[in-house]
Amino acid sequence: MANDDDKRHMKRIHEDIPDDIKTLLEENSKSKVALSESLHKLTEMLDYLRIIVKYQTFDLEATNRELAYYKNKCEQAGDSNDDRK
């Protein structure tokens, strides 16, 4: 924890910084915050995209299983009709 001398020293340093540099530092700080927020949003979007892709993959696999099942049923029905002739 900074003592009083350190606080006074930091205040003097801050006062000695030219205004244009202070302005640049403030803009840099705001840009850093905006970038951090954008990165957080991007991370959330990627996580959501991963979930969607996993769901779509699962759904596609289930659809393929159903298709194979119904093809098999149709083939069996066709074979039993051929046997009756």
N, C-alpha and C. Protein backbone atom coordinates (compact mmCIF):
# COMPACT_ATOMS: atom_id res chain seq x y z
N MET A 1 0.85 -1.18 0.00
CA MET A 1 0.00 0.00 0.00
C MET A 1 0.90 1.24 0.00
N ALA A 2 0.55 2.19 -0.83
CA ALA A 2 1.38 3.39 -0.97
C ALA A 2 1.23 4.28 0.25
N ASN A 3 2.38 4.82 0.69
CA ASN A 3 2.32 5.75 1.82
C ASN A 3 2.07 7.16 1.27
N ASP A 4 2.00 8.14 2.18
CA ASP A 4 1.69 9.52 1.79
C ASP A 4 2.74 10.13 0.86
N ASP A 5 4.02 9.81 1.11
CA ASP A 5 5.08 10.34 0.24
C ASP A 5 4.91 9.82 -1.19
N ASP A 6 4.58 8.55 -1.32
CA ASP A 6 4.38 7.97 -2.65
C ASP A 6 3.19 8.63 -3.36
N LYS A 7 2.14 8.89 -2.60
CA LYS A 7 0.96 9.52 -3.19
C LYS A 7 1.29 10.94 -3.66
N ARG A 8 2.03 11.67 -2.85
CA ARG A 8 2.41 13.03 -3.25
C ARG A 8 3.31 13.00 -4.48
N HIS A 9 4.22 12.05 -4.49
CA HIS A 9 5.14 11.91 -5.63
C HIS A 9 4.36 11.60 -6.91
N MET A 10 3.40 10.69 -6.84
CA MET A 10 2.58 10.34 -8.01
C MET A 10 1.76 11.53 -8.48
N LYS A 11 1.25 12.32 -7.52
CA LYS A 11 0.46 13.50 -7.88
C LYS A 11 1.34 14.51 -8.61
N ARG A 12 2.56 14.71 -8.13
CA ARG A 12 3.48 15.63 -8.80
C ARG A 12 3.81 15.15 -10.20
N ILE A 13 4.05 13.86 -10.35
CA ILE A 13 4.35 13.31 -11.67
C ILE A 13 3.16 13.54 -12.60
N HIS A 14 1.97 13.28 -12.10
CA HIS A 14 0.76 13.47 -12.91
C HIS A 14 0.61 14.93 -13.32
N GLU A 15 0.91 15.83 -12.40
CA GLU A 15 0.79 17.26 -12.72
C GLU A 15 1.84 17.70 -13.74
N ASP A 16 3.00 17.04 -13.75
CA ASP A 16 4.07 17.41 -14.67
C ASP A 16 3.84 16.92 -16.10
N ILE A 17 2.91 16.01 -16.27
CA ILE A 17 2.66 15.47 -17.62
C ILE A 17 1.92 16.54 -18.43
N PRO A 18 2.39 16.83 -19.65
CA PRO A 18 1.72 17.82 -20.48
C PRO A 18 0.28 17.38 -20.81
N ASP A 19 -0.59 18.38 -21.04
CA ASP A 19 -2.01 18.09 -21.29
C ASP A 19 -2.23 17.21 -22.51
N ASP A 20 -1.45 17.44 -23.57
CA ASP A 20 -1.66 16.62 -24.77
C ASP A 20 -1.31 15.15 -24.51
N ILE A 21 -0.33 14.91 -23.66
CA ILE A 21 0.02 13.53 -23.29
C ILE A 21 -1.08 12.94 -22.41
N LYS A 22 -1.62 13.76 -21.50
CA LYS A 22 -2.73 13.28 -20.65
C LYS A 22 -3.92 12.89 -21.52
N THR A 23 -4.20 13.72 -22.54
CA THR A 23 -5.31 13.43 -23.44
C THR A 23 -5.07 12.11 -24.17
N LEU A 24 -3.86 11.91 -24.66
CA LEU A 24 -3.52 10.65 -25.33
C LEU A 24 -3.64 9.46 -24.39
N LEU A 25 -3.21 9.63 -23.17
CA LEU A 25 -3.31 8.55 -22.19
C LEU A 25 -4.77 8.20 -21.90
N GLU A 26 -5.61 9.22 -21.79
CA GLU A 26 -7.04 8.97 -21.56
C GLU A 26 -7.68 8.26 -22.75
N GLU A 27 -7.34 8.70 -23.97
CA GLU A 27 -7.87 8.05 -25.17
C GLU A 27 -7.39 6.61 -25.24
N ASN A 28 -6.13 6.40 -24.91
CA ASN A 28 -5.58 5.04 -24.91
C ASN A 28 -6.31 4.16 -23.91
N SER A 29 -6.59 4.71 -22.75
CA SER A 29 -7.30 3.96 -21.72
C SER A 29 -8.71 3.60 -22.19
N LYS A 30 -9.40 4.57 -22.80
CA LYS A 30 -10.75 4.30 -23.31
C LYS A 30 -10.72 3.25 -24.42
N SER A 31 -9.71 3.34 -25.29
CA SER A 31 -9.59 2.36 -26.37
C SER A 31 -9.34 0.97 -25.82
N LYS A 32 -8.53 0.91 -24.77
CA LYS A 32 -8.23 -0.39 -24.15
C LYS A 32 -9.50 -1.00 -23.56
N VAL A 33 -10.32 -0.18 -22.92
CA VAL A 33 -11.57 -0.67 -22.34
C VAL A 33 -12.51 -1.15 -23.45
N ALA A 34 -12.61 -0.36 -24.53
CA ALA A 34 -13.48 -0.74 -25.65
C ALA A 34 -13.00 -2.04 -26.29
N LEU A 35 -11.69 -2.17 -26.44
CA LEU A 35 -11.13 -3.38 -27.02
C LEU A 35 -11.41 -4.58 -26.13
N SER A 36 -11.27 -4.39 -24.84
CA SER A 36 -11.54 -5.47 -23.89
C SER A 36 -13.01 -5.90 -23.96
N GLU A 37 -13.92 -4.93 -24.05
CA GLU A 37 -15.34 -5.24 -24.17
C GLU A 37 -15.64 -5.98 -25.47
N SER A 38 -15.02 -5.54 -26.55
CA SER A 38 -15.21 -6.20 -27.84
C SER A 38 -14.70 -7.63 -27.80
N LEU A 39 -13.56 -7.84 -27.17
CA LEU A 39 -13.00 -9.18 -27.05
C LEU A 39 -13.93 -10.07 -26.23
N HIS A 40 -14.49 -9.53 -25.18
CA HIS A 40 -15.42 -10.31 -24.35
C HIS A 40 -16.66 -10.70 -25.16
N LYS A 41 -17.21 -9.75 -25.92
CA LYS A 41 -18.38 -10.05 -26.76
C LYS A 41 -18.03 -11.10 -27.81
N LEU A 42 -16.87 -10.97 -28.42
CA LEU A 42 -16.44 -11.93 -29.43
C LEU A 42 -16.30 -13.32 -28.83
N THR A 43 -15.74 -13.41 -27.64
CA THR A 43 -15.60 -14.69 -26.96
C THR A 43 -16.96 -15.32 -26.70
N GLU A 44 -17.92 -14.51 -26.25
CA GLU A 44 -19.27 -15.02 -26.01
C GLU A 44 -19.91 -15.51 -27.31
N MET A 45 -19.71 -14.76 -28.39
CA MET A 45 -20.28 -15.17 -29.68
C MET A 45 -19.66 -16.48 -30.18
N LEU A 46 -18.36 -16.63 -29.99
CA LEU A 46 -17.70 -17.88 -30.40
C LEU A 46 -18.20 -19.06 -29.58
N ASP A 47 -18.40 -18.85 -28.28
CA ASP A 47 -18.95 -19.91 -27.44
C ASP A 47 -20.34 -20.32 -27.92
N TYR A 48 -21.16 -19.32 -28.26
CA TYR A 48 -22.51 -19.60 -28.76
C TYR A 48 -22.43 -20.34 -30.09
N LEU A 49 -21.52 -19.92 -30.97
CA LEU A 49 -21.35 -20.58 -32.25
C LEU A 49 -20.95 -22.04 -32.07
N ARG A 50 -20.06 -22.31 -31.13
CA ARG A 50 -19.66 -23.69 -30.85
C ARG A 50 -20.86 -24.55 -30.46
N ILE A 51 -21.72 -23.99 -29.61
CA ILE A 51 -22.92 -24.72 -29.18
C ILE A 51 -23.82 -24.99 -30.37
N ILE A 52 -24.02 -23.98 -31.22
CA ILE A 52 -24.88 -24.15 -32.39
C ILE A 52 -24.32 -25.23 -33.31
N VAL A 53 -23.02 -25.20 -33.55
CA VAL A 53 -22.40 -26.20 -34.43
C VAL A 53 -22.55 -27.60 -33.83
N LYS A 54 -22.37 -27.74 -32.53
CA LYS A 54 -22.54 -29.04 -31.89
C LYS A 54 -23.98 -29.52 -32.04
N TYR A 55 -24.94 -28.62 -31.84
CA TYR A 55 -26.35 -29.00 -31.99
C TYR A 55 -26.63 -29.40 -33.43
N GLN A 56 -26.14 -28.64 -34.41
CA GLN A 56 -26.38 -28.95 -35.81
C GLN A 56 -25.76 -30.30 -36.18
N THR A 57 -24.58 -30.58 -35.66
CA THR A 57 -23.93 -31.87 -35.91
C THR A 57 -24.76 -33.00 -35.33
N PHE A 58 -25.23 -32.83 -34.11
CA PHE A 58 -26.07 -33.84 -33.48
C PHE A 58 -27.34 -34.05 -34.30
N ASP A 59 -27.97 -32.96 -34.73
CA ASP A 59 -29.20 -33.03 -35.50
C ASP A 59 -28.97 -33.74 -36.84
N LEU A 60 -27.87 -33.43 -37.49
CA LEU A 60 -27.54 -34.07 -38.76
C LEU A 60 -27.34 -35.57 -38.58
N GLU A 61 -26.62 -35.95 -37.52
CA GLU A 61 -26.41 -37.37 -37.25
C GLU A 61 -27.75 -38.08 -36.99
N ALA A 62 -28.63 -37.45 -36.23
CA ALA A 62 -29.94 -38.04 -35.95
C ALA A 62 -30.75 -38.17 -37.23
N THR A 63 -30.69 -37.16 -38.08
CA THR A 63 -31.42 -37.19 -39.35
C THR A 63 -30.89 -38.31 -40.23
N ASN A 64 -29.57 -38.48 -40.27
CA ASN A 64 -28.98 -39.58 -41.06
C ASN A 64 -29.40 -40.94 -40.52
N ARG A 65 -29.47 -41.07 -39.19
CA ARG A 65 -29.93 -42.34 -38.61
C ARG A 65 -31.38 -42.60 -38.99
N GLU A 66 -32.22 -41.58 -38.92
CA GLU A 66 -33.62 -41.74 -39.30
C GLU A 66 -33.75 -42.10 -40.78
N LEU A 67 -32.97 -41.46 -41.62
CA LEU A 67 -33.00 -41.74 -43.05
C LEU A 67 -32.61 -43.19 -43.32
N ALA A 68 -31.56 -43.66 -42.66
CA ALA A 68 -31.14 -45.05 -42.83
C ALA A 68 -32.23 -46.00 -42.35
N TYR A 69 -32.87 -45.66 -41.24
CA TYR A 69 -33.95 -46.50 -40.71
C TYR A 69 -35.10 -46.59 -41.71
N TYR A 70 -35.53 -45.45 -42.23
CA TYR A 70 -36.67 -45.46 -43.16
C TYR A 70 -36.31 -46.08 -44.50
N LYS A 71 -35.07 -45.93 -44.94
CA LYS A 71 -34.64 -46.61 -46.18
C LYS A 71 -34.71 -48.12 -45.98
N ASN A 72 -34.25 -48.56 -44.83
CA ASN A 72 -34.29 -49.99 -44.52
C ASN A 72 -35.72 -50.49 -44.49
N LYS A 73 -36.61 -49.73 -43.87
CA LYS A 73 -38.03 -50.10 -43.81
C LYS A 73 -38.63 -50.19 -45.21
N CYS A 74 -38.30 -49.21 -46.07
CA CYS A 74 -38.82 -49.21 -47.44
C CYS A 74 -38.28 -50.41 -48.22
N GLU A 75 -37.00 -50.72 -48.03
CA GLU A 75 -36.42 -51.87 -48.72
C GLU A 75 -37.06 -53.16 -48.25
N GLN A 76 -37.31 -53.26 -46.94
CA GLN A 76 -37.96 -54.46 -46.41
C GLN A 76 -39.38 -54.58 -46.96
N ALA A 77 -40.07 -53.45 -47.03
CA ALA A 77 -41.43 -53.46 -47.57
C ALA A 77 -41.41 -53.84 -49.05
N GLY A 78 -40.43 -53.34 -49.78
CA GLY A 78 -40.29 -53.69 -51.20
C GLY A 78 -39.96 -55.16 -51.37
N ASP A 79 -39.10 -55.71 -50.53
CA ASP A 79 -38.74 -57.13 -50.61
C ASP A 79 -39.94 -58.00 -50.30
N SER A 80 -40.74 -57.62 -49.32
CA SER A 80 -41.91 -58.44 -48.97
C SER A 80 -42.95 -58.36 -50.08
N ASN A 81 -43.07 -57.27 -50.79
CA ASN A 81 -43.99 -57.16 -51.93
C ASN A 81 -43.50 -58.01 -53.08
N ASP A 82 -42.18 -58.07 -53.28
CA ASP A 82 -41.62 -58.90 -54.35
C ASP A 82 -41.85 -60.38 -54.05
N ASP A 83 -41.80 -60.78 -52.79
CA ASP A 83 -42.01 -62.19 -52.41
C ASP A 83 -43.44 -62.61 -52.68
N ARG A 84 -44.39 -61.71 -52.58
CA ARG A 84 -45.81 -62.04 -52.74
C ARG A 84 -46.18 -62.27 -54.21
N LYS A 85 -45.38 -61.74 -55.10
CA LYS A 85 -45.72 -61.85 -56.53
C LYS A 85 -45.48 -63.22 -57.05
